[in-house]
Every structure is written in structure tokens, then in C-alpha cells.
Amino acid sequence: MSLEVGQMAPNFEAKIETGETIKLSDYKGKKVVLYFYPKDATPGCTAQACNLRDNYDALLKAGYVVLGISSDAEKSHQKFIEKQSLPFSLIADTDLKVHEAYGTWVEKSMYGRKYMGTARTTFVIDEEGKIAEVIEKVDTKNHTAQILK
């Protein structure tokens, strides 16, 4: 199931790095950048997170809340946030419920070996909770420009 622009973004309840539970519906009335990434502290994921960090003020000025999400646990997210000085929360989707709701847990292939993993995808969600944009070809080093274009 792939989500499309104009559809309501699936609501979810999940824990962030602090262990606190958040819901997408908590952000109604705000624009949300919900970005799915494969793994904390890997080169591409670090480049993407740091690009969003370095342009965070511009994203805030444009009215966005930024939430990263991967299948890593809260402790891993805490270390990643600390090491990279990330100003936004990371969702620990260890049971993959949010990945499955958004269609981002997919079969991948590397060196002929097939495995399940996260499709790096960003969903821009409007104030009403509708999907305004789906970015599937993420440029990790220039991701903010893709969002703010």
C-alpha cells in the first residue's frame, strides 16, 4: 500500500528517544516533516540528519515540525541526537508499526542478497493531517532544499 498526496496521513502512537509517547495527531495545526531513514549513525543517515539540523531554523520559520523515524531503539536515538546535536526528536519504531502504516518497510537487495529494511522516504504532512508531498528520491546532503523548494 503506497500513500499518495492528498490522503490523510496514518495517525500513529510511538515512543521518541526520551521514552515519551507521541501521536501524529498531537501535531494537528502544524506542518510535519516525517522522515524515515534506515539506521542511526550511518553515513547517509548522518548526512541527512545533519542537513536538517543545519537548516532547522529555516524549517521552523516555514512552520515545520521535524520528526525522524527508524527501527532503532530509544537508546540508539539518544546517542545519535547527542553526537550530532540534533534539535528534533527521533521516533523509535522498533515494532515497525509506523513503517508498515506508511509502506516504508520494504524488501531491499544488496549484492544479490534480499532483506527487509527501511525505504528512505520523507512525508510532508499539512496542518490538516493530509500528505502534501512524498519525497522518495531523498538527496541526503540537500534534503532541506527538497522540502522547502
Protein backbone atom coordinates (compact mmCIF):
# COMPACT_ATOMS: atom_id res chain seq x y z
CA MET A 1 0.00 0.00 0.00
CA SER A 2 1.57 3.27 -1.00
CA LEU A 3 0.36 6.57 0.35
CA GLU A 4 -0.34 9.42 -2.03
CA VAL A 5 -0.53 13.19 -1.90
CA GLY A 6 -3.96 14.30 -0.67
CA GLN A 7 -4.57 11.23 1.51
CA MET A 8 -4.80 11.55 5.27
CA ALA A 9 -1.50 10.58 6.87
CA PRO A 10 -1.99 7.50 9.06
CA ASN A 11 -2.13 8.53 12.71
CA PHE A 12 0.24 6.66 14.97
CA GLU A 13 1.39 6.43 18.54
CA ALA A 14 5.08 5.75 19.15
CA LYS A 15 7.94 6.46 21.54
CA ILE A 16 10.59 9.09 20.93
CA GLU A 17 14.18 8.99 22.23
CA THR A 18 13.15 10.14 25.73
CA GLY A 19 10.70 7.24 26.14
CA GLU A 20 7.78 9.69 25.89
CA THR A 21 4.87 8.57 23.69
CA ILE A 22 3.77 10.93 20.93
CA LYS A 23 0.95 10.78 18.39
CA LEU A 24 0.88 12.31 14.92
CA SER A 25 -2.47 13.88 15.91
CA ASP A 26 -0.57 15.88 18.60
CA TYR A 27 0.73 17.99 15.72
CA LYS A 28 -2.61 18.89 14.11
CA GLY A 29 -2.46 22.52 13.00
CA LYS A 30 1.27 22.23 12.25
CA LYS A 31 3.15 21.12 9.17
CA VAL A 32 5.18 17.97 9.84
CA VAL A 33 8.27 16.61 8.09
CA LEU A 34 8.17 12.88 8.91
CA TYR A 35 11.34 11.35 7.54
CA PHE A 36 12.01 7.61 7.53
CA TYR A 37 15.68 6.63 7.48
CA PRO A 38 17.42 3.24 7.71
CA LYS A 39 19.85 3.46 10.66
CA ASP A 40 21.33 5.82 13.24
CA ALA A 41 24.96 6.87 12.80
CA THR A 42 25.43 5.54 9.26
CA PRO A 43 26.92 7.87 6.61
CA GLY A 44 23.80 8.63 4.56
CA CYS A 45 21.54 8.91 7.59
CA THR A 46 24.02 11.17 9.37
CA ALA A 47 24.31 13.42 6.28
CA GLN A 48 20.51 13.67 6.08
CA ALA A 49 20.04 14.39 9.81
CA CYS A 50 22.83 16.99 9.78
CA ASN A 51 21.40 18.72 6.72
CA LEU A 52 18.05 19.04 8.52
CA ARG A 53 19.89 20.19 11.68
CA ASP A 54 21.92 22.82 9.80
CA ASN A 55 18.76 24.22 8.18
CA TYR A 56 16.47 23.74 11.18
CA ASP A 57 15.82 27.48 11.64
CA ALA A 58 14.60 27.76 8.03
CA LEU A 59 12.32 24.75 8.55
CA LEU A 60 10.92 26.29 11.77
CA LYS A 61 10.40 29.66 10.02
CA ALA A 62 8.45 27.83 7.32
CA GLY A 63 6.27 26.32 10.09
CA TYR A 64 7.56 22.75 10.08
CA VAL A 65 7.98 20.27 12.92
CA VAL A 66 10.69 17.71 12.08
CA LEU A 67 10.42 14.08 13.22
CA GLY A 68 12.86 11.40 12.17
CA ILE A 69 11.90 7.74 12.41
CA SER A 70 13.80 4.47 12.14
CA SER A 71 13.58 0.98 13.59
CA ASP A 72 16.42 1.78 16.03
CA ALA A 73 15.70 1.78 19.77
CA GLU A 74 15.43 4.86 22.01
CA LYS A 75 18.98 4.46 23.41
CA SER A 76 20.46 4.44 19.90
CA HIS A 77 18.45 7.57 19.06
CA GLN A 78 19.68 9.31 22.23
CA LYS A 79 23.32 8.68 21.26
CA PHE A 80 22.72 9.81 17.66
CA ILE A 81 20.98 13.02 18.81
CA GLU A 82 23.75 13.75 21.32
CA LYS A 83 26.63 13.06 18.95
CA GLN A 84 25.14 15.13 16.09
CA SER A 85 23.44 17.82 18.24
CA LEU A 86 20.09 17.17 16.57
CA PRO A 87 17.40 19.70 17.60
CA PHE A 88 14.46 17.41 16.74
CA SER A 89 13.06 14.14 18.08
CA LEU A 90 13.60 10.67 16.63
CA ILE A 91 10.87 8.05 16.82
CA ALA A 92 11.86 4.52 17.83
CA ASP A 93 9.65 2.30 15.66
CA THR A 94 11.11 -0.97 16.92
CA ASP A 95 7.90 -2.93 16.23
CA LEU A 96 7.70 -1.46 12.69
CA LYS A 97 4.02 -0.48 13.09
CA VAL A 98 4.58 3.04 11.73
CA HIS A 99 6.83 1.79 8.92
CA GLU A 100 4.11 -0.65 7.89
CA ALA A 101 1.36 2.02 8.04
CA TYR A 102 3.44 4.26 5.75
CA GLY A 103 4.65 1.48 3.43
CA THR A 104 8.33 2.14 4.18
CA TRP A 105 9.32 -1.36 5.39
CA VAL A 106 10.27 -2.97 2.09
CA GLU A 107 12.31 -5.74 0.56
CA LYS A 108 15.72 -4.49 -0.45
CA SER A 109 18.60 -6.11 -2.24
CA MET A 110 22.36 -5.71 -1.86
CA TYR A 111 24.95 -7.82 -3.63
CA GLY A 112 22.18 -10.19 -4.68
CA ARG A 113 21.05 -10.74 -1.09
CA LYS A 114 17.46 -9.84 -0.30
CA TYR A 115 16.47 -8.45 3.09
CA MET A 116 13.84 -6.24 4.70
CA GLY A 117 14.70 -2.65 5.51
CA THR A 118 13.56 0.98 5.55
CA ALA A 119 12.91 2.78 2.29
CA ARG A 120 14.37 6.27 2.86
CA THR A 121 11.24 8.36 2.35
CA THR A 122 10.01 11.71 3.63
CA PHE A 123 6.35 12.59 4.07
CA VAL A 124 5.44 16.27 4.29
CA ILE A 125 2.14 16.47 6.16
CA ASP A 126 -0.01 19.61 6.15
CA GLU A 127 -1.83 21.28 9.04
CA GLU A 128 -4.94 19.18 8.38
CA GLY A 129 -3.01 15.90 8.62
CA LYS A 130 -3.04 15.30 4.86
CA ILE A 131 0.02 14.23 2.91
CA ALA A 132 1.22 17.29 0.98
CA GLU A 133 4.28 15.64 -0.54
CA VAL A 134 6.09 12.30 -0.66
CA ILE A 135 9.85 12.51 -1.32
CA GLU A 136 11.13 9.09 -2.38
CA LYS A 137 14.39 10.13 -4.02
CA VAL A 138 15.96 11.74 -0.98
CA ASP A 139 19.14 13.77 -1.52
CA THR A 140 20.70 13.22 1.92
CA LYS A 141 23.11 16.17 1.63
CA ASN A 142 20.46 18.65 0.38
CA HIS A 143 17.27 17.31 1.91
CA THR A 144 16.04 20.63 3.33
CA ALA A 145 16.11 22.16 -0.17
CA GLN A 146 13.85 19.32 -1.35
CA ILE A 147 11.36 20.14 1.43
CA LEU A 148 11.43 23.94 1.15
CA LYS A 149 11.54 24.21 -2.66
